[in-house]
Structure formats: C-alpha cells, structure tokens
C-alpha cells in the first residue's frame, strides 16, 4: 500500500514538474496545458481548481459564484455591473487572438492620393487598427492571467508533492531498514504487525481494543527477543532493576543503557516506552479512537526501529 502511494506520488510530482516546464519554457499551447492540468487536478487538485479548469475548457456560466469570481481573476469583464464580458473558453480566446492578428495584417495604410477626404480616411484606418490592437491586447491579457493562475495552482501542487514524496521516500527507506532488523532479531514481532494493521482498518471499537492488546504483546515479544529475561538485576543510577520475565520495560531500558551514552536520549526513550506501554495497556479497557490507536501503533513501530538501530552499536564499557 505504501509502495503504491509512493508510485502515485512520483507520477503526480512528475506531471506537475512537466506542466511547470511547459509553462515556463512556452513549449506547449495553452489548450494542451489546460488538458494536462485537468488530469493533475483530478489526481490531487482542489475542487476549485478542477471547476475553474472546466470553465476554461467549456466556457463560463453566468449563474455560478465561482465562475463570476474567476471572470474577475482572469480579467474577462468588460462591464461587470451589467455582467458583460468574455464568457468564452480559453481555446476561443486563443483563436480570437490569431484571427485578430490576421485581420490586423490584412490592413495596409490606405492610399489617399487624390482622395477628397484624406484625413477622414486615415482617421478611420487608424481607429480600426487601434480597435483591433486593443482587442488583441485584451485577449492577451486574459491569456496571461490564465497562465499565471495555472502556474500558481500547479506550483502549489508541485511543492506539496515534492515535500510529500520526500517524506514518503524517507519513511519507505526507514521502514525497509526496520523490517529487515525485525526479521533478523525479532521475527515474532514481524508476524504480529499485519494483525494490528487489519484490526485498525476495521474502524470498530472492539477491533481497536484487540489491536492495542497486540501492540502490547509486540512490545513484550520484542523485549524477550532482544534481551531475554534473567534472574539478574541491573543498576541504573540509584535504581536496581529486575530483569525477570514480567519486567519487559526494564529489560528494554537496560538494552538501551548498555549502548547509549547520551543521558538525554536514554531518558527520552525511557519516557516514550513508559508512556506508550501505559497508553496501550489502559487503551484496552478505555475508549480510544481509531486515529489515536493508529498513532500509538506508529509510535511503537518507530520506537522499536530506534532501539533496533541502537542494537547495532557496541556495548559501552562500564
């Protein structure tokens, strides 16, 4: 499931980057960019982004608030008070620009030699040229604003996906390392993890309780695997810790203490272990939301991973 999410995230990131390149390098028509952007919007965009792209492909309805909002953002109004403007899709804006350019090119300065009203003829000519140029300028303004909005929407998605992909990549790599360590040092734990995942996916109170029971058993099994019970005791500061069969947290803390020199790190792990174990134990008999149970399981998994990585360190000399 994580791998599939990672692959989808990579696809979304690549599509967003491709679209940004299309815009910044002017290597695709705006219609092509709109169509590709609609695919990105379906995958991960907001509803507003998707609806706006629909307006750009099909035209702007005059009775929808969101449509009126983007009429303003894209500079389409000619008379907002009377709801007059360019309601056409961007493809028609683009084609109108080309048509007006051709119309402009077809006009040549009139020959007024011998014309009894040369000033009027020239005035009409320049007025026509000015009107065509103003229309082209207006259409180009709409196109520029559409491209700017596209760039803004796509940039937001790109940077969100880049951060998400980075986090997923880090977690996936870390998960593989932890799974490998669990397989080598605590195989019984690895076999219990799917049970927790399945229980939590059921989203039921009884299933959550059973999942937390399994999480507690995972911690117990983990302690038995990496630091089996014994009749000995171990002194940490002023405390003489029993390492008996029921003292799972003691044995885990001793395992860490033997390999970690940093007091702050040892204290952090000890407190985390104590809080986690207390919560999964009380959670069996109390109401715990599915979200909290998932958080506790993830905390357990990450904590076991940290302890297993510590296990690769040499024991400190007393």
C-alpha atoms as a PDB file:
ATOM      1  CA  UNK A   1       0.000   0.000   0.000  1.00  0.00           C
ATOM      2  CA  UNK A   2       2.837   2.379   0.908  1.00  0.00           C
ATOM      3  CA  UNK A   3       4.666   1.451  -2.316  1.00  0.00           C
ATOM      4  CA  UNK A   4       1.563   2.189  -4.428  1.00  0.00           C
ATOM      5  CA  UNK A   5       1.144   5.554  -2.703  1.00  0.00           C
ATOM      6  CA  UNK A   6       4.810   6.302  -3.384  1.00  0.00           C
ATOM      7  CA  UNK A   7       4.438   5.437  -7.085  1.00  0.00           C
ATOM      8  CA  UNK A   8       1.321   7.631  -7.402  1.00  0.00           C
ATOM      9  CA  UNK A   9       3.074  10.468  -5.602  1.00  0.00           C
ATOM     10  CA  UNK A  10       6.013  10.184  -8.031  1.00  0.00           C
ATOM     11  CA  UNK A  11       3.612  10.322 -11.008  1.00  0.00           C
ATOM     12  CA  UNK A  12       1.851  13.413  -9.645  1.00  0.00           C
ATOM     13  CA  UNK A  13       5.190  15.096  -8.962  1.00  0.00           C
ATOM     14  CA  UNK A  14       6.478  14.344 -12.472  1.00  0.00           C
ATOM     15  CA  UNK A  15       3.246  15.597 -14.078  1.00  0.00           C
ATOM     16  CA  UNK A  16       3.345  18.840 -12.077  1.00  0.00           C
ATOM     17  CA  UNK A  17       7.000  19.413 -12.999  1.00  0.00           C
ATOM     18  CA  UNK A  18       6.255  18.714 -16.662  1.00  0.00           C
ATOM     19  CA  UNK A  19       3.427  21.259 -16.606  1.00  0.00           C
ATOM     20  CA  UNK A  20       5.624  23.905 -14.970  1.00  0.00           C
ATOM     21  CA  UNK A  21       8.233  23.329 -17.675  1.00  0.00           C
ATOM     22  CA  UNK A  22       5.525  23.599 -20.353  1.00  0.00           C
ATOM     23  CA  UNK A  23       4.509  26.990 -18.963  1.00  0.00           C
ATOM     24  CA  UNK A  24       7.938  28.417 -18.142  1.00  0.00           C
ATOM     25  CA  UNK A  25       9.571  27.291 -21.396  1.00  0.00           C
ATOM     26  CA  UNK A  26       6.500  28.085 -23.557  1.00  0.00           C
ATOM     27  CA  UNK A  27       6.779  24.658 -25.138  1.00  0.00           C
ATOM     28  CA  UNK A  28       3.063  23.782 -25.309  1.00  0.00           C
ATOM     29  CA  UNK A  29      -0.148  25.534 -26.299  1.00  0.00           C
ATOM     30  CA  UNK A  30      -2.394  26.771 -23.542  1.00  0.00           C
ATOM     31  CA  UNK A  31      -5.128  24.310 -24.595  1.00  0.00           C
ATOM     32  CA  UNK A  32      -2.677  21.425 -24.164  1.00  0.00           C
ATOM     33  CA  UNK A  33      -1.586  22.756 -20.785  1.00  0.00           C
ATOM     34  CA  UNK A  34      -5.220  23.080 -19.654  1.00  0.00           C
ATOM     35  CA  UNK A  35      -5.950  19.467 -20.625  1.00  0.00           C
ATOM     36  CA  UNK A  36      -2.846  18.159 -18.838  1.00  0.00           C
ATOM     37  CA  UNK A  37      -3.621  20.327 -15.820  1.00  0.00           C
ATOM     38  CA  UNK A  38      -7.124  18.842 -15.638  1.00  0.00           C
ATOM     39  CA  UNK A  39      -5.526  15.398 -15.276  1.00  0.00           C
ATOM     40  CA  UNK A  40      -3.330  16.691 -12.449  1.00  0.00           C
ATOM     41  CA  UNK A  41      -6.365  18.321 -10.832  1.00  0.00           C
ATOM     42  CA  UNK A  42      -8.285  15.026 -10.899  1.00  0.00           C
ATOM     43  CA  UNK A  43      -5.372  13.304  -9.187  1.00  0.00           C
ATOM     44  CA  UNK A  44      -4.589  15.772  -6.465  1.00  0.00           C
ATOM     45  CA  UNK A  45      -6.024  19.240  -7.051  1.00  0.00           C
ATOM     46  CA  UNK A  46      -8.703  21.087  -5.127  1.00  0.00           C
ATOM     47  CA  UNK A  47     -12.330  21.107  -6.227  1.00  0.00           C
ATOM     48  CA  UNK A  48     -11.998  24.799  -7.032  1.00  0.00           C
ATOM     49  CA  UNK A  49      -9.031  24.151  -9.332  1.00  0.00           C
ATOM     50  CA  UNK A  50     -10.958  21.413 -11.146  1.00  0.00           C
ATOM     51  CA  UNK A  51     -14.064  23.557 -11.618  1.00  0.00           C
ATOM     52  CA  UNK A  52     -12.081  26.522 -12.886  1.00  0.00           C
ATOM     53  CA  UNK A  53     -10.343  24.327 -15.471  1.00  0.00           C
ATOM     54  CA  UNK A  54     -13.788  23.143 -16.589  1.00  0.00           C
ATOM     55  CA  UNK A  55     -14.779  26.770 -17.205  1.00  0.00           C
ATOM     56  CA  UNK A  56     -11.603  27.289 -19.243  1.00  0.00           C
ATOM     57  CA  UNK A  57     -12.432  24.242 -21.359  1.00  0.00           C
ATOM     58  CA  UNK A  58     -16.196  24.737 -21.788  1.00  0.00           C
ATOM     59  CA  UNK A  59     -16.908  28.390 -21.106  1.00  0.00           C
ATOM     60  CA  UNK A  60     -18.025  30.386 -18.083  1.00  0.00           C
ATOM     61  CA  UNK A  61     -21.613  30.045 -16.779  1.00  0.00           C
ATOM     62  CA  UNK A  62     -23.183  33.337 -15.736  1.00  0.00           C
ATOM     63  CA  UNK A  63     -25.114  31.998 -12.735  1.00  0.00           C
ATOM     64  CA  UNK A  64     -22.325  30.368 -10.680  1.00  0.00           C
ATOM     65  CA  UNK A  65     -20.488  32.342  -7.985  1.00  0.00           C
ATOM     66  CA  UNK A  66     -17.180  30.572  -8.586  1.00  0.00           C
ATOM     67  CA  UNK A  67     -17.461  31.304 -12.301  1.00  0.00           C
ATOM     68  CA  UNK A  68     -18.028  35.006 -11.594  1.00  0.00           C
ATOM     69  CA  UNK A  69     -15.023  35.000  -9.250  1.00  0.00           C
ATOM     70  CA  UNK A  70     -12.738  33.672 -11.976  1.00  0.00           C
ATOM     71  CA  UNK A  71     -14.240  36.014 -14.560  1.00  0.00           C
ATOM     72  CA  UNK A  72     -12.636  38.716 -12.421  1.00  0.00           C
ATOM     73  CA  UNK A  73      -9.385  36.882 -11.728  1.00  0.00           C
ATOM     74  CA  UNK A  74      -8.830  36.256 -15.436  1.00  0.00           C
ATOM     75  CA  UNK A  75      -9.745  39.828 -16.448  1.00  0.00           C
ATOM     76  CA  UNK A  76     -12.754  38.852 -18.556  1.00  0.00           C
ATOM     77  CA  UNK A  77     -15.177  41.602 -17.515  1.00  0.00           C
ATOM     78  CA  UNK A  78     -15.985  44.416 -19.924  1.00  0.00           C
ATOM     79  CA  UNK A  79     -18.904  45.673 -17.820  1.00  0.00           C
ATOM     80  CA  UNK A  80     -19.132  43.775 -14.552  1.00  0.00           C
ATOM     81  CA  UNK A  81     -22.155  45.679 -13.260  1.00  0.00           C
ATOM     82  CA  UNK A  82     -24.206  44.565 -16.260  1.00  0.00           C
ATOM     83  CA  UNK A  83     -22.490  41.170 -16.375  1.00  0.00           C
ATOM     84  CA  UNK A  84     -20.917  41.734 -19.751  1.00  0.00           C
ATOM     85  CA  UNK A  85     -17.611  40.092 -20.550  1.00  0.00           C
ATOM     86  CA  UNK A  86     -15.733  37.337 -22.339  1.00  0.00           C
ATOM     87  CA  UNK A  87     -17.519  34.143 -21.238  1.00  0.00           C
ATOM     88  CA  UNK A  88     -15.759  32.047 -23.862  1.00  0.00           C
ATOM     89  CA  UNK A  89     -13.255  29.260 -23.049  1.00  0.00           C
ATOM     90  CA  UNK A  90      -9.528  29.866 -23.386  1.00  0.00           C
ATOM     91  CA  UNK A  91      -9.383  27.986 -26.709  1.00  0.00           C
ATOM     92  CA  UNK A  92     -11.668  30.611 -28.258  1.00  0.00           C
ATOM     93  CA  UNK A  93      -9.627  33.390 -26.694  1.00  0.00           C
ATOM     94  CA  UNK A  94      -6.527  31.904 -28.312  1.00  0.00           C
ATOM     95  CA  UNK A  95      -8.187  31.515 -31.720  1.00  0.00           C
ATOM     96  CA  UNK A  96      -9.587  35.054 -31.495  1.00  0.00           C
ATOM     97  CA  UNK A  97      -6.072  36.389 -30.929  1.00  0.00           C
ATOM     98  CA  UNK A  98      -4.851  34.672 -34.088  1.00  0.00           C
ATOM     99  CA  UNK A  99      -7.877  35.860 -36.078  1.00  0.00           C
ATOM    100  CA  UNK A 100      -7.380  39.458 -34.964  1.00  0.00           C
ATOM    101  CA  UNK A 101      -3.668  39.299 -35.807  1.00  0.00           C
ATOM    102  CA  UNK A 102      -4.521  38.145 -39.323  1.00  0.00           C
ATOM    103  CA  UNK A 103      -7.112  40.899 -39.582  1.00  0.00           C
ATOM    104  CA  UNK A 104      -4.512  43.420 -38.474  1.00  0.00           C
ATOM    105  CA  UNK A 105      -2.007  42.189 -41.044  1.00  0.00           C
ATOM    106  CA  UNK A 106      -4.610  42.446 -43.804  1.00  0.00           C
ATOM    107  CA  UNK A 107      -4.992  46.176 -43.218  1.00  0.00           C
ATOM    108  CA  UNK A 108      -2.499  48.313 -45.067  1.00  0.00           C
ATOM    109  CA  UNK A 109      -2.198  52.059 -44.935  1.00  0.00           C
ATOM    110  CA  UNK A 110      -4.703  53.437 -47.457  1.00  0.00           C
ATOM    111  CA  UNK A 111      -3.548  55.423 -50.438  1.00  0.00           C
ATOM    112  CA  UNK A 112      -5.228  58.789 -50.020  1.00  0.00           C
ATOM    113  CA  UNK A 113      -3.668  60.364 -53.069  1.00  0.00           C
ATOM    114  CA  UNK A 114      -6.409  62.187 -54.898  1.00  0.00           C
ATOM    115  CA  UNK A 115      -8.966  61.402 -52.157  1.00  0.00           C
ATOM    116  CA  UNK A 116     -11.065  64.470 -51.330  1.00  0.00           C
ATOM    117  CA  UNK A 117     -11.219  63.446 -47.636  1.00  0.00           C
ATOM    118  CA  UNK A 118      -7.782  62.030 -46.796  1.00  0.00           C
ATOM    119  CA  UNK A 119      -7.900  62.931 -43.117  1.00  0.00           C
ATOM    120  CA  UNK A 120     -11.201  61.119 -42.592  1.00  0.00           C
ATOM    121  CA  UNK A 121      -9.927  58.021 -44.426  1.00  0.00           C
ATOM    122  CA  UNK A 122      -6.732  57.926 -42.381  1.00  0.00           C
ATOM    123  CA  UNK A 123      -8.645  58.582 -39.162  1.00  0.00           C
ATOM    124  CA  UNK A 124     -10.979  55.661 -39.849  1.00  0.00           C
ATOM    125  CA  UNK A 125      -7.994  53.471 -40.699  1.00  0.00           C
ATOM    126  CA  UNK A 126      -6.130  54.284 -37.506  1.00  0.00           C
ATOM    127  CA  UNK A 127      -9.302  53.890 -35.454  1.00  0.00           C
ATOM    128  CA  UNK A 128      -9.831  50.422 -36.923  1.00  0.00           C
ATOM    129  CA  UNK A 129      -6.194  49.482 -36.277  1.00  0.00           C
ATOM    130  CA  UNK A 130      -6.463  50.784 -32.694  1.00  0.00           C
ATOM    131  CA  UNK A 131      -9.674  48.841 -32.047  1.00  0.00           C
ATOM    132  CA  UNK A 132      -8.175  45.597 -33.368  1.00  0.00           C
ATOM    133  CA  UNK A 133      -4.987  46.169 -31.343  1.00  0.00           C
ATOM    134  CA  UNK A 134      -7.000  46.876 -28.186  1.00  0.00           C
ATOM    135  CA  UNK A 135      -8.990  43.674 -28.691  1.00  0.00           C
ATOM    136  CA  UNK A 136      -5.778  41.668 -29.162  1.00  0.00           C
ATOM    137  CA  UNK A 137      -4.349  43.313 -26.040  1.00  0.00           C
ATOM    138  CA  UNK A 138      -7.487  42.418 -24.062  1.00  0.00           C
ATOM    139  CA  UNK A 139      -7.389  38.793 -25.215  1.00  0.00           C
ATOM    140  CA  UNK A 140      -3.663  38.569 -24.477  1.00  0.00           C
ATOM    141  CA  UNK A 141      -4.331  39.953 -21.009  1.00  0.00           C
ATOM    142  CA  UNK A 142      -6.874  37.183 -20.372  1.00  0.00           C
ATOM    143  CA  UNK A 143      -4.426  34.568 -21.651  1.00  0.00           C
ATOM    144  CA  UNK A 144      -1.613  35.922 -19.465  1.00  0.00           C
ATOM    145  CA  UNK A 145      -3.809  35.863 -16.369  1.00  0.00           C
ATOM    146  CA  UNK A 146      -4.948  32.311 -17.097  1.00  0.00           C
ATOM    147  CA  UNK A 147      -1.336  31.182 -17.474  1.00  0.00           C
ATOM    148  CA  UNK A 148      -0.402  32.989 -14.248  1.00  0.00           C
ATOM    149  CA  UNK A 149      -3.229  31.278 -12.342  1.00  0.00           C
ATOM    150  CA  UNK A 150      -2.253  27.919 -13.805  1.00  0.00           C
ATOM    151  CA  UNK A 151       1.348  28.437 -12.741  1.00  0.00           C
ATOM    152  CA  UNK A 152       0.250  29.372  -9.222  1.00  0.00           C
ATOM    153  CA  UNK A 153      -2.048  26.348  -8.802  1.00  0.00           C
ATOM    154  CA  UNK A 154       0.466  23.911 -10.292  1.00  0.00           C
ATOM    155  CA  UNK A 155       3.380  25.338  -8.278  1.00  0.00           C
ATOM    156  CA  UNK A 156       1.441  24.818  -5.042  1.00  0.00           C
ATOM    157  CA  UNK A 157       0.739  21.200  -6.002  1.00  0.00           C
ATOM    158  CA  UNK A 158       4.342  20.641  -7.104  1.00  0.00           C
ATOM    159  CA  UNK A 159       5.896  21.852  -3.847  1.00  0.00           C
ATOM    160  CA  UNK A 160       3.312  19.980  -1.751  1.00  0.00           C
ATOM    161  CA  UNK A 161       4.019  16.781  -3.686  1.00  0.00           C
ATOM    162  CA  UNK A 162       7.774  17.299  -3.539  1.00  0.00           C
ATOM    163  CA  UNK A 163       7.609  17.528   0.253  1.00  0.00           C
ATOM    164  CA  UNK A 164       5.176  14.590   0.437  1.00  0.00           C
ATOM    165  CA  UNK A 165       7.351  12.478  -1.866  1.00  0.00           C
ATOM    166  CA  UNK A 166      10.440  13.272   0.204  1.00  0.00           C
ATOM    167  CA  UNK A 167       8.662  12.265   3.421  1.00  0.00           C
ATOM    168  CA  UNK A 168       7.311   9.064   1.848  1.00  0.00           C
ATOM    169  CA  UNK A 169      10.734   8.195   0.443  1.00  0.00           C
ATOM    170  CA  UNK A 170      12.383   8.677   3.829  1.00  0.00           C
ATOM    171  CA  UNK A 171       9.709   6.633   5.599  1.00  0.00           C
ATOM    172  CA  UNK A 172       9.785   3.851   2.977  1.00  0.00           C
ATOM    173  CA  UNK A 173      13.568   3.576   3.251  1.00  0.00           C
ATOM    174  CA  UNK A 174      13.407   3.602   7.049  1.00  0.00           C
ATOM    175  CA  UNK A 175      10.616   1.015   7.034  1.00  0.00           C
ATOM    176  CA  UNK A 176      12.699  -1.361   4.912  1.00  0.00           C
ATOM    177  CA  UNK A 177      15.604  -0.998   7.341  1.00  0.00           C
ATOM    178  CA  UNK A 178      13.374  -1.624  10.365  1.00  0.00           C
ATOM    179  CA  UNK A 179      11.607  -4.599   8.746  1.00  0.00           C
ATOM    180  CA  UNK A 180      14.995  -6.132   7.976  1.00  0.00           C
ATOM    181  CA  UNK A 181      16.194  -5.626  11.547  1.00  0.00           C
ATOM    182  CA  UNK A 182      12.967  -7.053  12.982  1.00  0.00           C
ATOM    183  CA  UNK A 183      13.262 -10.084  10.694  1.00  0.00           C
ATOM    184  CA  UNK A 184      16.804 -10.727  11.890  1.00  0.00           C
ATOM    185  CA  UNK A 185      16.325 -10.011  15.581  1.00  0.00           C
ATOM    186  CA  UNK A 186      12.610 -10.281  16.455  1.00  0.00           C
ATOM    187  CA  UNK A 187      10.779 -12.348  13.845  1.00  0.00           C
ATOM    188  CA  UNK A 188       7.823 -12.982  16.197  1.00  0.00           C
ATOM    189  CA  UNK A 189       7.137  -9.242  16.183  1.00  0.00           C
ATOM    190  CA  UNK A 190       7.028  -9.056  12.378  1.00  0.00           C
ATOM    191  CA  UNK A 191       4.378 -11.775  12.288  1.00  0.00           C
ATOM    192  CA  UNK A 192       2.099  -9.798  14.633  1.00  0.00           C
ATOM    193  CA  UNK A 193       2.199  -6.477  12.764  1.00  0.00           C
ATOM    194  CA  UNK A 194      -0.301  -7.458   9.991  1.00  0.00           C
ATOM    195  CA  UNK A 195      -2.833  -8.340  12.689  1.00  0.00           C
ATOM    196  CA  UNK A 196      -2.659  -4.810  14.103  1.00  0.00           C
ATOM    197  CA  UNK A 197      -2.996  -3.233  10.655  1.00  0.00           C
ATOM    198  CA  UNK A 198      -6.023  -5.378   9.808  1.00  0.00           C
ATOM    199  CA  UNK A 199      -7.728  -4.616  13.118  1.00  0.00           C
ATOM    200  CA  UNK A 200      -7.217  -0.877  12.770  1.00  0.00           C
ATOM    201  CA  UNK A 201      -8.589  -0.891   9.217  1.00  0.00           C
ATOM    202  CA  UNK A 202     -11.925  -2.225  10.528  1.00  0.00           C
ATOM    203  CA  UNK A 203     -12.614   1.077  12.377  1.00  0.00           C
ATOM    204  CA  UNK A 204     -14.553  -0.637  15.179  1.00  0.00           C
ATOM    205  CA  UNK A 205     -14.211  -0.237  18.940  1.00  0.00           C
ATOM    206  CA  UNK A 206     -13.640  -3.920  19.645  1.00  0.00           C
ATOM    207  CA  UNK A 207     -11.099  -4.131  16.839  1.00  0.00           C
ATOM    208  CA  UNK A 208      -9.216  -1.122  18.251  1.00  0.00           C
ATOM    209  CA  UNK A 209      -9.069  -2.791  21.672  1.00  0.00           C
ATOM    210  CA  UNK A 210      -7.744  -6.010  20.140  1.00  0.00           C
ATOM    211  CA  UNK A 211      -5.195  -4.053  18.107  1.00  0.00           C
ATOM    212  CA  UNK A 212      -3.866  -2.339  21.243  1.00  0.00           C
ATOM    213  CA  UNK A 213      -3.625  -5.705  23.003  1.00  0.00           C
ATOM    214  CA  UNK A 214      -1.490  -6.921  20.109  1.00  0.00           C
ATOM    215  CA  UNK A 215       0.677  -3.785  20.273  1.00  0.00           C
ATOM    216  CA  UNK A 216       1.366  -4.520  23.941  1.00  0.00           C
ATOM    217  CA  UNK A 217       2.238  -8.117  23.054  1.00  0.00           C
ATOM    218  CA  UNK A 218       4.553  -6.826  20.326  1.00  0.00           C
ATOM    219  CA  UNK A 219       6.462  -4.768  22.906  1.00  0.00           C
ATOM    220  CA  UNK A 220       6.654  -7.792  25.230  1.00  0.00           C
ATOM    221  CA  UNK A 221       7.805 -10.117  22.434  1.00  0.00           C
ATOM    222  CA  UNK A 222      10.324  -7.547  21.301  1.00  0.00           C
ATOM    223  CA  UNK A 223      11.831  -7.295  24.782  1.00  0.00           C
ATOM    224  CA  UNK A 224      12.012 -11.105  25.056  1.00  0.00           C
ATOM    225  CA  UNK A 225      13.764 -11.315  21.674  1.00  0.00           C
ATOM    226  CA  UNK A 226      16.486  -8.710  22.105  1.00  0.00           C
ATOM    227  CA  UNK A 227      17.054  -9.013  25.874  1.00  0.00           C
ATOM    228  CA  UNK A 228      15.629 -12.289  27.257  1.00  0.00           C
ATOM    229  CA  UNK A 229      14.568 -12.474  30.926  1.00  0.00           C
ATOM    230  CA  UNK A 230      17.054 -13.499  33.573  1.00  0.00           C
ATOM    231  CA  UNK A 231      17.377 -13.714  37.342  1.00  0.00           C
ATOM    232  CA  UNK A 232      19.948 -10.944  37.351  1.00  0.00           C
ATOM    233  CA  UNK A 233      19.483  -7.286  38.236  1.00  0.00           C
ATOM    234  CA  UNK A 234      20.998  -4.197  36.671  1.00  0.00           C
ATOM    235  CA  UNK A 235      21.805  -0.906  38.373  1.00  0.00           C
ATOM    236  CA  UNK A 236      20.991   2.363  36.653  1.00  0.00           C
ATOM    237  CA  UNK A 237      21.842   5.250  38.955  1.00  0.00           C
ATOM    238  CA  UNK A 238      20.258   4.530  42.314  1.00  0.00           C
ATOM    239  CA  UNK A 239      17.773   2.029  40.875  1.00  0.00           C
ATOM    240  CA  UNK A 240      18.329  -1.711  40.961  1.00  0.00           C
ATOM    241  CA  UNK A 241      16.284  -3.081  38.065  1.00  0.00           C
ATOM    242  CA  UNK A 242      14.901  -6.601  37.961  1.00  0.00           C
ATOM    243  CA  UNK A 243      15.300  -8.380  34.613  1.00  0.00           C
ATOM    244  CA  UNK A 244      12.628 -11.001  35.274  1.00  0.00           C
ATOM    245  CA  UNK A 245      10.067 -12.315  32.791  1.00  0.00           C
ATOM    246  CA  UNK A 246       7.447  -9.689  33.685  1.00  0.00           C
ATOM    247  CA  UNK A 247       9.882  -6.746  33.550  1.00  0.00           C
ATOM    248  CA  UNK A 248       9.769  -6.048  29.833  1.00  0.00           C
ATOM    249  CA  UNK A 249      10.362  -2.302  30.040  1.00  0.00           C
ATOM    250  CA  UNK A 250      13.280  -2.769  32.446  1.00  0.00           C
ATOM    251  CA  UNK A 251      14.978  -5.101  30.003  1.00  0.00           C
ATOM    252  CA  UNK A 252      14.442  -2.712  27.087  1.00  0.00           C
ATOM    253  CA  UNK A 253      15.811   0.224  29.076  1.00  0.00           C
ATOM    254  CA  UNK A 254      18.850  -1.825  30.117  1.00  0.00           C
ATOM    255  CA  UNK A 255      19.412  -2.820  26.469  1.00  0.00           C
ATOM    256  CA  UNK A 256      19.479   0.879  25.534  1.00  0.00           C
ATOM    257  CA  UNK A 257      21.516   1.917  28.586  1.00  0.00           C
ATOM    258  CA  UNK A 258      24.263  -0.569  27.724  1.00  0.00           C
ATOM    259  CA  UNK A 259      24.780   1.013  24.291  1.00  0.00           C
ATOM    260  CA  UNK A 260      23.848   4.704  24.510  1.00  0.00           C
ATOM    261  CA  UNK A 261      25.995   7.260  26.271  1.00  0.00           C
ATOM    262  CA  UNK A 262      23.720  10.282  25.885  1.00  0.00           C
ATOM    263  CA  UNK A 263      21.605  10.740  29.022  1.00  0.00           C
ATOM    264  CA  UNK A 264      19.009  12.850  27.224  1.00  0.00           C
ATOM    265  CA  UNK A 265      18.498  10.178  24.556  1.00  0.00           C
ATOM    266  CA  UNK A 266      18.209   7.420  27.155  1.00  0.00           C
ATOM    267  CA  UNK A 267      15.701   9.489  29.137  1.00  0.00           C
ATOM    268  CA  UNK A 268      13.677  10.221  26.003  1.00  0.00           C
ATOM    269  CA  UNK A 269      13.463   6.542  25.063  1.00  0.00           C
ATOM    270  CA  UNK A 270      12.636   5.522  28.646  1.00  0.00           C
ATOM    271  CA  UNK A 271       9.828   8.083  28.894  1.00  0.00           C
ATOM    272  CA  UNK A 272       8.496   7.204  25.452  1.00  0.00           C
ATOM    273  CA  UNK A 273       8.464   3.497  26.314  1.00  0.00           C
ATOM    274  CA  UNK A 274       6.738   4.123  29.630  1.00  0.00           C
ATOM    275  CA  UNK A 275       4.074   6.415  28.142  1.00  0.00           C
ATOM    276  CA  UNK A 276       3.451   4.130  25.170  1.00  0.00           C
ATOM    277  CA  UNK A 277       3.131   0.985  27.286  1.00  0.00           C
ATOM    278  CA  UNK A 278       0.813   2.711  29.751  1.00  0.00           C
ATOM    279  CA  UNK A 279      -1.390   4.032  26.954  1.00  0.00           C
ATOM    280  CA  UNK A 280      -1.756   0.745  25.066  1.00  0.00           C
ATOM    281  CA  UNK A 281      -2.424  -1.053  28.361  1.00  0.00           C
ATOM    282  CA  UNK A 282      -5.112   1.394  29.521  1.00  0.00           C
ATOM    283  CA  UNK A 283      -6.491   1.671  25.997  1.00  0.00           C
ATOM    284  CA  UNK A 284      -7.555  -1.949  26.103  1.00  0.00           C
ATOM    285  CA  UNK A 285     -10.128  -1.021  28.746  1.00  0.00           C
ATOM    286  CA  UNK A 286     -10.919   2.542  27.699  1.00  0.00           C
ATOM    287  CA  UNK A 287     -12.338   4.343  24.704  1.00  0.00           C
ATOM    288  CA  UNK A 288      -9.575   5.056  22.203  1.00  0.00           C
ATOM    289  CA  UNK A 289     -10.281   6.490  18.765  1.00  0.00           C
ATOM    290  CA  UNK A 290      -9.036   4.750  15.648  1.00  0.00           C
ATOM    291  CA  UNK A 291      -6.811   7.759  14.918  1.00  0.00           C
ATOM    292  CA  UNK A 292      -5.196   7.585  18.372  1.00  0.00           C
ATOM    293  CA  UNK A 293      -4.715   3.820  18.061  1.00  0.00           C
ATOM    294  CA  UNK A 294      -3.001   4.293  14.692  1.00  0.00           C
ATOM    295  CA  UNK A 295      -0.768   6.947  16.234  1.00  0.00           C
ATOM    296  CA  UNK A 296       0.154   4.602  19.096  1.00  0.00           C
ATOM    297  CA  UNK A 297       0.964   1.780  16.675  1.00  0.00           C
ATOM    298  CA  UNK A 298       3.118   4.052  14.522  1.00  0.00           C
ATOM    299  CA  UNK A 299       4.874   5.335  17.644  1.00  0.00           C
ATOM    300  CA  UNK A 300       5.523   1.726  18.687  1.00  0.00           C
ATOM    301  CA  UNK A 301       6.923   0.820  15.270  1.00  0.00           C
ATOM    302  CA  UNK A 302       9.244   3.839  15.156  1.00  0.00           C
ATOM    303  CA  UNK A 303      10.406   3.272  18.734  1.00  0.00           C
ATOM    304  CA  UNK A 304      11.215  -0.392  18.094  1.00  0.00           C
ATOM    305  CA  UNK A 305      13.095   0.714  14.993  1.00  0.00           C
ATOM    306  CA  UNK A 306      15.169   3.176  17.009  1.00  0.00           C
ATOM    307  CA  UNK A 307      16.008   0.528  19.620  1.00  0.00           C
ATOM    308  CA  UNK A 308      16.979  -1.970  16.903  1.00  0.00           C
ATOM    309  CA  UNK A 309      19.313   0.593  15.355  1.00  0.00           C
ATOM    310  CA  UNK A 310      20.807   1.129  18.817  1.00  0.00           C
ATOM    311  CA  UNK A 311      21.324  -2.642  18.963  1.00  0.00           C
ATOM    312  CA  UNK A 312      23.857  -2.295  16.159  1.00  0.00           C
ATOM    313  CA  UNK A 313      26.094  -0.226  18.446  1.00  0.00           C
ATOM    314  CA  UNK A 314      28.829  -1.758  20.557  1.00  0.00           C
ATOM    315  CA  UNK A 315      28.134  -2.136  24.256  1.00  0.00           C
ATOM    316  CA  UNK A 316      29.681   0.585  26.361  1.00  0.00           C
ATOM    317  CA  UNK A 317      32.456  -0.373  28.753  1.00  0.00           C
ATOM    318  CA  UNK A 318      31.411   0.077  32.360  1.00  0.00           C
END
